[in-house]
Amino acid sequence: MAQSGAPEVRMTKNPSPVMPGFEPSIIAFACHYCAFAAADLAGVMRLQYSPNVSVIRLPCTGKLDHIYVLRAFERGVDGVFVAG
């Protein structure tokens, strides 16, 4: 029960519903020798992943500066995936 005139807050299962047809844009920063090699192998095996995922190859995930992640969000990317 709400006390002293404060509104009652109810928790729902899905507080932020996704709009129908929403396709998130995702950028993946991948290590050249580990994660990018796996993504390349997936291509060789003719496996498919969503076209709204862009893979950026890095020499090493240790070379990923935090500013690149922040700039990706500033430019409208919905998600960032870092794989090493």
PDB file of N, CA and C in Angstrom:
ATOM      1  N   MET A   1       0.834  -1.180   0.000  1.00  0.00           N
ATOM      2  CA  MET A   1       0.000   0.000   0.000  1.00  0.00           C
ATOM      3  C   MET A   1       0.878   1.243   0.000  1.00  0.00           C
ATOM      4  N   ALA A   2       0.435   2.241  -0.686  1.00  0.00           N
ATOM      5  CA  ALA A   2       1.156   3.509  -0.728  1.00  0.00           C
ATOM      6  C   ALA A   2       0.857   4.287   0.535  1.00  0.00           C
ATOM      7  N   GLN A   3       1.874   4.944   1.036  1.00  0.00           N
ATOM      8  CA  GLN A   3       1.707   5.732   2.247  1.00  0.00           C
ATOM      9  C   GLN A   3       1.944   7.195   1.926  1.00  0.00           C
ATOM     10  N   SER A   4       1.298   8.027   2.659  1.00  0.00           N
ATOM     11  CA  SER A   4       1.440   9.491   2.590  1.00  0.00           C
ATOM     12  C   SER A   4       1.310  10.035   1.166  1.00  0.00           C
ATOM     13  N   GLY A   5       0.378   9.512   0.398  1.00  0.00           N
ATOM     14  CA  GLY A   5       0.098  10.061  -0.917  1.00  0.00           C
ATOM     15  C   GLY A   5       1.079   9.681  -2.004  1.00  0.00           C
ATOM     16  N   ALA A   6       2.078   8.841  -1.705  1.00  0.00           N
ATOM     17  CA  ALA A   6       3.043   8.419  -2.718  1.00  0.00           C
ATOM     18  C   ALA A   6       2.383   7.391  -3.635  1.00  0.00           C
ATOM     19  N   PRO A   7       2.637   7.444  -4.954  1.00  0.00           N
ATOM     20  CA  PRO A   7       2.027   6.477  -5.861  1.00  0.00           C
ATOM     21  C   PRO A   7       2.573   5.079  -5.613  1.00  0.00           C
ATOM     22  N   GLU A   8       1.725   4.094  -5.808  1.00  0.00           N
ATOM     23  CA  GLU A   8       2.133   2.708  -5.628  1.00  0.00           C
ATOM     24  C   GLU A   8       2.855   2.236  -6.891  1.00  0.00           C
ATOM     25  N   VAL A   9       3.988   1.585  -6.716  1.00  0.00           N
ATOM     26  CA  VAL A   9       4.782   1.096  -7.833  1.00  0.00           C
ATOM     27  C   VAL A   9       4.564  -0.401  -7.944  1.00  0.00           C
ATOM     28  N   ARG A  10       4.192  -0.837  -9.136  1.00  0.00           N
ATOM     29  CA  ARG A  10       3.986  -2.267  -9.379  1.00  0.00           C
ATOM     30  C   ARG A  10       5.051  -2.754 -10.354  1.00  0.00           C
ATOM     31  N   MET A  11       5.680  -3.848  -9.991  1.00  0.00           N
ATOM     32  CA  MET A  11       6.690  -4.435 -10.858  1.00  0.00           C
ATOM     33  C   MET A  11       5.995  -5.336 -11.872  1.00  0.00           C
ATOM     34  N   THR A  12       6.406  -5.226 -13.125  1.00  0.00           N
ATOM     35  CA  THR A  12       5.862  -6.080 -14.169  1.00  0.00           C
ATOM     36  C   THR A  12       6.951  -7.014 -14.660  1.00  0.00           C
ATOM     37  N   LYS A  13       6.564  -8.057 -15.345  1.00  0.00           N
ATOM     38  CA  LYS A  13       7.547  -8.999 -15.875  1.00  0.00           C
ATOM     39  C   LYS A  13       8.425  -8.376 -16.939  1.00  0.00           C
ATOM     40  N   ASN A  14       7.844  -7.572 -17.807  1.00  0.00           N
ATOM     41  CA  ASN A  14       8.587  -6.965 -18.903  1.00  0.00           C
ATOM     42  C   ASN A  14       8.385  -5.447 -18.839  1.00  0.00           C
ATOM     43  N   PRO A  15       9.238  -4.744 -18.099  1.00  0.00           N
ATOM     44  CA  PRO A  15       9.021  -3.306 -17.922  1.00  0.00           C
ATOM     45  C   PRO A  15       9.220  -2.479 -19.183  1.00  0.00           C
ATOM     46  N   SER A  16      10.018  -2.967 -20.130  1.00  0.00           N
ATOM     47  CA  SER A  16      10.242  -2.197 -21.352  1.00  0.00           C
ATOM     48  C   SER A  16       9.962  -3.076 -22.565  1.00  0.00           C
ATOM     49  N   PRO A  17       8.721  -3.089 -23.028  1.00  0.00           N
ATOM     50  CA  PRO A  17       8.400  -3.940 -24.170  1.00  0.00           C
ATOM     51  C   PRO A  17       9.108  -3.465 -25.438  1.00  0.00           C
ATOM     52  N   VAL A  18       9.456  -4.398 -26.276  1.00  0.00           N
ATOM     53  CA  VAL A  18      10.143  -4.106 -27.531  1.00  0.00           C
ATOM     54  C   VAL A  18       9.092  -3.858 -28.606  1.00  0.00           C
ATOM     55  N   MET A  19       9.312  -2.820 -29.375  1.00  0.00           N
ATOM     56  CA  MET A  19       8.393  -2.491 -30.457  1.00  0.00           C
ATOM     57  C   MET A  19       8.427  -3.600 -31.509  1.00  0.00           C
ATOM     58  N   PRO A  20       7.291  -3.963 -32.064  1.00  0.00           N
ATOM     59  CA  PRO A  20       7.286  -4.974 -33.125  1.00  0.00           C
ATOM     60  C   PRO A  20       8.098  -4.487 -34.326  1.00  0.00           C
ATOM     61  N   GLY A  21       8.926  -5.380 -34.860  1.00  0.00           N
ATOM     62  CA  GLY A  21       9.745  -5.033 -36.010  1.00  0.00           C
ATOM     63  C   GLY A  21      11.047  -4.332 -35.656  1.00  0.00           C
ATOM     64  N   PHE A  22      11.339  -4.153 -34.384  1.00  0.00           N
ATOM     65  CA  PHE A  22      12.566  -3.479 -33.961  1.00  0.00           C
ATOM     66  C   PHE A  22      13.767  -4.365 -34.254  1.00  0.00           C
ATOM     67  N   GLU A  23      14.741  -3.846 -34.967  1.00  0.00           N
ATOM     68  CA  GLU A  23      15.982  -4.543 -35.274  1.00  0.00           C
ATOM     69  C   GLU A  23      17.135  -3.743 -34.674  1.00  0.00           C
ATOM     70  N   PRO A  24      17.717  -4.191 -33.567  1.00  0.00           N
ATOM     71  CA  PRO A  24      18.792  -3.426 -32.947  1.00  0.00           C
ATOM     72  C   PRO A  24      20.059  -3.445 -33.795  1.00  0.00           C
ATOM     73  N   SER A  25      20.763  -2.341 -33.805  1.00  0.00           N
ATOM     74  CA  SER A  25      22.056  -2.307 -34.486  1.00  0.00           C
ATOM     75  C   SER A  25      23.134  -2.602 -33.446  1.00  0.00           C
ATOM     76  N   ILE A  26      23.962  -3.578 -33.747  1.00  0.00           N
ATOM     77  CA  ILE A  26      24.962  -4.041 -32.795  1.00  0.00           C
ATOM     78  C   ILE A  26      26.319  -3.990 -33.464  1.00  0.00           C
ATOM     79  N   ILE A  27      27.311  -3.522 -32.713  1.00  0.00           N
ATOM     80  CA  ILE A  27      28.682  -3.515 -33.207  1.00  0.00           C
ATOM     81  C   ILE A  27      29.488  -4.466 -32.328  1.00  0.00           C
ATOM     82  N   ALA A  28      30.272  -5.318 -32.969  1.00  0.00           N
ATOM     83  CA  ALA A  28      31.083  -6.295 -32.250  1.00  0.00           C
ATOM     84  C   ALA A  28      32.550  -5.980 -32.475  1.00  0.00           C
ATOM     85  N   PHE A  29      33.275  -5.763 -31.401  1.00  0.00           N
ATOM     86  CA  PHE A  29      34.720  -5.586 -31.465  1.00  0.00           C
ATOM     87  C   PHE A  29      35.334  -6.951 -31.185  1.00  0.00           C
ATOM     88  N   ALA A  30      36.052  -7.515 -32.158  1.00  0.00           N
ATOM     89  CA  ALA A  30      36.555  -8.879 -32.049  1.00  0.00           C
ATOM     90  C   ALA A  30      38.071  -8.925 -32.172  1.00  0.00           C
ATOM     91  N   CYS A  31      38.679  -9.719 -31.320  1.00  0.00           N
ATOM     92  CA  CYS A  31      40.117  -9.953 -31.364  1.00  0.00           C
ATOM     93  C   CYS A  31      40.465 -10.709 -32.649  1.00  0.00           C
ATOM     94  N   HIS A  32      41.524 -10.296 -33.323  1.00  0.00           N
ATOM     95  CA  HIS A  32      41.914 -10.887 -34.609  1.00  0.00           C
ATOM     96  C   HIS A  32      42.177 -12.386 -34.501  1.00  0.00           C
ATOM     97  N   TYR A  33      42.855 -12.812 -33.458  1.00  0.00           N
ATOM     98  CA  TYR A  33      43.282 -14.207 -33.364  1.00  0.00           C
ATOM     99  C   TYR A  33      42.267 -15.122 -32.697  1.00  0.00           C
ATOM    100  N   CYS A  34      41.303 -14.577 -31.995  1.00  0.00           N
ATOM    101  CA  CYS A  34      40.342 -15.432 -31.278  1.00  0.00           C
ATOM    102  C   CYS A  34      38.943 -15.299 -31.857  1.00  0.00           C
ATOM    103  N   ALA A  35      38.258 -14.247 -31.477  1.00  0.00           N
ATOM    104  CA  ALA A  35      36.850 -14.092 -31.828  1.00  0.00           C
ATOM    105  C   ALA A  35      36.647 -13.838 -33.317  1.00  0.00           C
ATOM    106  N   PHE A  36      37.513 -13.050 -33.937  1.00  0.00           N
ATOM    107  CA  PHE A  36      37.345 -12.793 -35.368  1.00  0.00           C
ATOM    108  C   PHE A  36      37.594 -14.062 -36.172  1.00  0.00           C
ATOM    109  N   ALA A  37      38.535 -14.879 -35.715  1.00  0.00           N
ATOM    110  CA  ALA A  37      38.784 -16.154 -36.389  1.00  0.00           C
ATOM    111  C   ALA A  37      37.544 -17.044 -36.302  1.00  0.00           C
ATOM    112  N   ALA A  38      36.853 -17.006 -35.191  1.00  0.00           N
ATOM    113  CA  ALA A  38      35.619 -17.784 -35.043  1.00  0.00           C
ATOM    114  C   ALA A  38      34.529 -17.246 -35.965  1.00  0.00           C
ATOM    115  N   ALA A  39      34.411 -15.933 -36.075  1.00  0.00           N
ATOM    116  CA  ALA A  39      33.416 -15.342 -36.974  1.00  0.00           C
ATOM    117  C   ALA A  39      33.751 -15.673 -38.425  1.00  0.00           C
ATOM    118  N   ASP A  40      35.033 -15.673 -38.751  1.00  0.00           N
ATOM    119  CA  ASP A  40      35.454 -16.030 -40.102  1.00  0.00           C
ATOM    120  C   ASP A  40      35.147 -17.500 -40.395  1.00  0.00           C
ATOM    121  N   LEU A  41      35.377 -18.363 -39.429  1.00  0.00           N
ATOM    122  CA  LEU A  41      35.066 -19.779 -39.593  1.00  0.00           C
ATOM    123  C   LEU A  41      33.565 -19.985 -39.785  1.00  0.00           C
ATOM    124  N   ALA A  42      32.754 -19.223 -39.080  1.00  0.00           N
ATOM    125  CA  ALA A  42      31.299 -19.303 -39.260  1.00  0.00           C
ATOM    126  C   ALA A  42      30.928 -18.949 -40.699  1.00  0.00           C
ATOM    127  N   GLY A  43      31.611 -17.984 -41.278  1.00  0.00           N
ATOM    128  CA  GLY A  43      31.360 -17.622 -42.676  1.00  0.00           C
ATOM    129  C   GLY A  43      31.774 -18.719 -43.627  1.00  0.00           C
ATOM    130  N   VAL A  44      32.901 -19.366 -43.343  1.00  0.00           N
ATOM    131  CA  VAL A  44      33.374 -20.466 -44.175  1.00  0.00           C
ATOM    132  C   VAL A  44      32.388 -21.635 -44.122  1.00  0.00           C
ATOM    133  N   MET A  45      31.788 -21.840 -42.952  1.00  0.00           N
ATOM    134  CA  MET A  45      30.820 -22.936 -42.779  1.00  0.00           C
ATOM    135  C   MET A  45      29.426 -22.551 -43.278  1.00  0.00           C
ATOM    136  N   ARG A  46      29.301 -21.358 -43.845  1.00  0.00           N
ATOM    137  CA  ARG A  46      28.039 -20.841 -44.379  1.00  0.00           C
ATOM    138  C   ARG A  46      26.966 -20.641 -43.309  1.00  0.00           C
ATOM    139  N   LEU A  47      27.407 -20.413 -42.076  1.00  0.00           N
ATOM    140  CA  LEU A  47      26.463 -20.058 -41.020  1.00  0.00           C
ATOM    141  C   LEU A  47      26.135 -18.582 -41.169  1.00  0.00           C
ATOM    142  N   GLN A  48      24.934 -18.208 -40.797  1.00  0.00           N
ATOM    143  CA  GLN A  48      24.525 -16.823 -40.956  1.00  0.00           C
ATOM    144  C   GLN A  48      24.208 -16.206 -39.602  1.00  0.00           C
ATOM    145  N   TYR A  49      24.521 -14.932 -39.486  1.00  0.00           N
ATOM    146  CA  TYR A  49      24.082 -14.167 -38.330  1.00  0.00           C
ATOM    147  C   TYR A  49      23.396 -12.914 -38.848  1.00  0.00           C
ATOM    148  N   SER A  50      22.735 -12.248 -37.967  1.00  0.00           N
ATOM    149  CA  SER A  50      21.900 -11.120 -38.352  1.00  0.00           C
ATOM    150  C   SER A  50      22.706 -10.045 -39.086  1.00  0.00           C
ATOM    151  N   PRO A  51      22.146  -9.490 -40.152  1.00  0.00           N
ATOM    152  CA  PRO A  51      22.873  -8.464 -40.906  1.00  0.00           C
ATOM    153  C   PRO A  51      23.011  -7.137 -40.164  1.00  0.00           C
ATOM    154  N   ASN A  52      22.322  -6.969 -39.050  1.00  0.00           N
ATOM    155  CA  ASN A  52      22.445  -5.722 -38.306  1.00  0.00           C
ATOM    156  C   ASN A  52      23.584  -5.786 -37.284  1.00  0.00           C
ATOM    157  N   VAL A  53      24.448  -6.804 -37.380  1.00  0.00           N
ATOM    158  CA  VAL A  53      25.644  -6.914 -36.542  1.00  0.00           C
ATOM    159  C   VAL A  53      26.847  -6.572 -37.400  1.00  0.00           C
ATOM    160  N   SER A  54      27.607  -5.573 -36.982  1.00  0.00           N
ATOM    161  CA  SER A  54      28.836  -5.189 -37.688  1.00  0.00           C
ATOM    162  C   SER A  54      30.030  -5.627 -36.857  1.00  0.00           C
ATOM    163  N   VAL A  55      30.952  -6.346 -37.469  1.00  0.00           N
ATOM    164  CA  VAL A  55      32.127  -6.854 -36.766  1.00  0.00           C
ATOM    165  C   VAL A  55      33.326  -5.987 -37.117  1.00  0.00           C
ATOM    166  N   ILE A  56      34.000  -5.495 -36.089  1.00  0.00           N
ATOM    167  CA  ILE A  56      35.220  -4.705 -36.240  1.00  0.00           C
ATOM    168  C   ILE A  56      36.372  -5.550 -35.706  1.00  0.00           C
ATOM    169  N   ARG A  57      37.365  -5.787 -36.557  1.00  0.00           N
ATOM    170  CA  ARG A  57      38.514  -6.602 -36.152  1.00  0.00           C
ATOM    171  C   ARG A  57      39.552  -5.717 -35.461  1.00  0.00           C
ATOM    172  N   LEU A  58      40.010  -6.169 -34.306  1.00  0.00           N
ATOM    173  CA  LEU A  58      41.066  -5.485 -33.558  1.00  0.00           C
ATOM    174  C   LEU A  58      42.282  -6.397 -33.456  1.00  0.00           C
ATOM    175  N   PRO A  59      43.484  -5.835 -33.337  1.00  0.00           N
ATOM    176  CA  PRO A  59      44.658  -6.684 -33.136  1.00  0.00           C
ATOM    177  C   PRO A  59      44.538  -7.490 -31.839  1.00  0.00           C
ATOM    178  N   CYS A  60      43.919  -6.882 -30.841  1.00  0.00           N
ATOM    179  CA  CYS A  60      43.723  -7.519 -29.543  1.00  0.00           C
ATOM    180  C   CYS A  60      42.646  -6.718 -28.807  1.00  0.00           C
ATOM    181  N   THR A  61      41.842  -7.362 -27.990  1.00  0.00           N
ATOM    182  CA  THR A  61      40.828  -6.611 -27.253  1.00  0.00           C
ATOM    183  C   THR A  61      41.467  -5.676 -26.232  1.00  0.00           C
ATOM    184  N   GLY A  62      42.712  -5.918 -25.906  1.00  0.00           N
ATOM    185  CA  GLY A  62      43.435  -5.001 -25.030  1.00  0.00           C
ATOM    186  C   GLY A  62      43.662  -3.643 -25.691  1.00  0.00           C
ATOM    187  N   LYS A  63      43.569  -3.584 -27.023  1.00  0.00           N
ATOM    188  CA  LYS A  63      43.727  -2.323 -27.748  1.00  0.00           C
ATOM    189  C   LYS A  63      42.428  -1.529 -27.822  1.00  0.00           C
ATOM    190  N   LEU A  64      41.337  -2.086 -27.324  1.00  0.00           N
ATOM    191  CA  LEU A  64      40.050  -1.397 -27.366  1.00  0.00           C
ATOM    192  C   LEU A  64      40.004  -0.356 -26.255  1.00  0.00           C
ATOM    193  N   ASP A  65      39.937   0.896 -26.647  1.00  0.00           N
ATOM    194  CA  ASP A  65      39.837   1.985 -25.686  1.00  0.00           C
ATOM    195  C   ASP A  65      38.363   2.218 -25.383  1.00  0.00           C
ATOM    196  N   HIS A  66      38.079   2.636 -24.182  1.00  0.00           N
ATOM    197  CA  HIS A  66      36.679   2.853 -23.772  1.00  0.00           C
ATOM    198  C   HIS A  66      35.988   3.921 -24.621  1.00  0.00           C
ATOM    199  N   ILE A  67      36.750   4.824 -25.200  1.00  0.00           N
ATOM    200  CA  ILE A  67      36.147   5.895 -25.987  1.00  0.00           C
ATOM    201  C   ILE A  67      35.456   5.347 -27.241  1.00  0.00           C
ATOM    202  N   TYR A  68      35.959   4.223 -27.799  1.00  0.00           N
ATOM    203  CA  TYR A  68      35.322   3.629 -28.974  1.00  0.00           C
ATOM    204  C   TYR A  68      33.945   3.066 -28.633  1.00  0.00           C
ATOM    205  N   VAL A  69      33.823   2.488 -27.463  1.00  0.00           N
ATOM    206  CA  VAL A  69      32.528   1.965 -27.011  1.00  0.00           C
ATOM    207  C   VAL A  69      31.554   3.115 -26.799  1.00  0.00           C
ATOM    208  N   LEU A  70      32.017   4.166 -26.150  1.00  0.00           N
ATOM    209  CA  LEU A  70      31.144   5.318 -25.890  1.00  0.00           C
ATOM    210  C   LEU A  70      30.741   6.010 -27.193  1.00  0.00           C
ATOM    211  N   ARG A  71      31.663   6.147 -28.121  1.00  0.00           N
ATOM    212  CA  ARG A  71      31.336   6.771 -29.413  1.00  0.00           C
ATOM    213  C   ARG A  71      30.326   5.947 -30.203  1.00  0.00           C
ATOM    214  N   ALA A  72      30.407   4.644 -30.081  1.00  0.00           N
ATOM    215  CA  ALA A  72      29.433   3.797 -30.771  1.00  0.00           C
ATOM    216  C   ALA A  72      28.021   4.094 -30.263  1.00  0.00           C
ATOM    217  N   PHE A  73      27.865   4.227 -28.958  1.00  0.00           N
ATOM    218  CA  PHE A  73      26.549   4.552 -28.408  1.00  0.00           C
ATOM    219  C   PHE A  73      26.118   5.968 -28.795  1.00  0.00           C
ATOM    220  N   GLU A  74      27.071   6.895 -28.825  1.00  0.00           N
ATOM    221  CA  GLU A  74      26.741   8.261 -29.233  1.00  0.00           C
ATOM    222  C   GLU A  74      26.238   8.306 -30.672  1.00  0.00           C
ATOM    223  N   ARG A  75      26.735   7.423 -31.508  1.00  0.00           N
ATOM    224  CA  ARG A  75      26.346   7.413 -32.923  1.00  0.00           C
ATOM    225  C   ARG A  75      25.118   6.550 -33.202  1.00  0.00           C
ATOM    226  N   GLY A  76      24.468   6.083 -32.138  1.00  0.00           N
ATOM    227  CA  GLY A  76      23.183   5.419 -32.306  1.00  0.00           C
ATOM    228  C   GLY A  76      23.178   3.904 -32.298  1.00  0.00           C
ATOM    229  N   VAL A  77      24.283   3.279 -31.957  1.00  0.00           N
ATOM    230  CA  VAL A  77      24.311   1.816 -31.876  1.00  0.00           C
ATOM    231  C   VAL A  77      23.505   1.395 -30.645  1.00  0.00           C
ATOM    232  N   ASP A  78      22.727   0.326 -30.792  1.00  0.00           N
ATOM    233  CA  ASP A  78      21.906  -0.154 -29.679  1.00  0.00           C
ATOM    234  C   ASP A  78      22.667  -1.057 -28.724  1.00  0.00           C
ATOM    235  N   GLY A  79      23.706  -1.735 -29.217  1.00  0.00           N
ATOM    236  CA  GLY A  79      24.465  -2.638 -28.359  1.00  0.00           C
ATOM    237  C   GLY A  79      25.895  -2.784 -28.828  1.00  0.00           C
ATOM    238  N   VAL A  80      26.788  -3.054 -27.885  1.00  0.00           N
ATOM    239  CA  VAL A  80      28.205  -3.265 -28.178  1.00  0.00           C
ATOM    240  C   VAL A  80      28.595  -4.611 -27.597  1.00  0.00           C
ATOM    241  N   PHE A  81      29.286  -5.397 -28.407  1.00  0.00           N
ATOM    242  CA  PHE A  81      29.749  -6.729 -27.997  1.00  0.00           C
ATOM    243  C   PHE A  81      31.255  -6.746 -28.145  1.00  0.00           C
ATOM    244  N   VAL A  82      31.961  -7.064 -27.072  1.00  0.00           N
ATOM    245  CA  VAL A  82      33.419  -7.148 -27.111  1.00  0.00           C
ATOM    246  C   VAL A  82      33.786  -8.609 -26.900  1.00  0.00           C
ATOM    247  N   ALA A  83      34.474  -9.196 -27.871  1.00  0.00           N
ATOM    248  CA  ALA A  83      34.842 -10.613 -27.785  1.00  0.00           C
ATOM    249  C   ALA A  83      36.332 -10.778 -27.982  1.00  0.00           C
ATOM    250  N   GLY A  84      36.938 -11.525 -27.086  1.00  0.00           N
ATOM    251  CA  GLY A  84      38.370 -11.751 -27.165  1.00  0.00           C
ATOM    252  C   GLY A  84      38.703 -13.204 -27.138  1.00  0.00           C
TER     253      GLY A  84
END
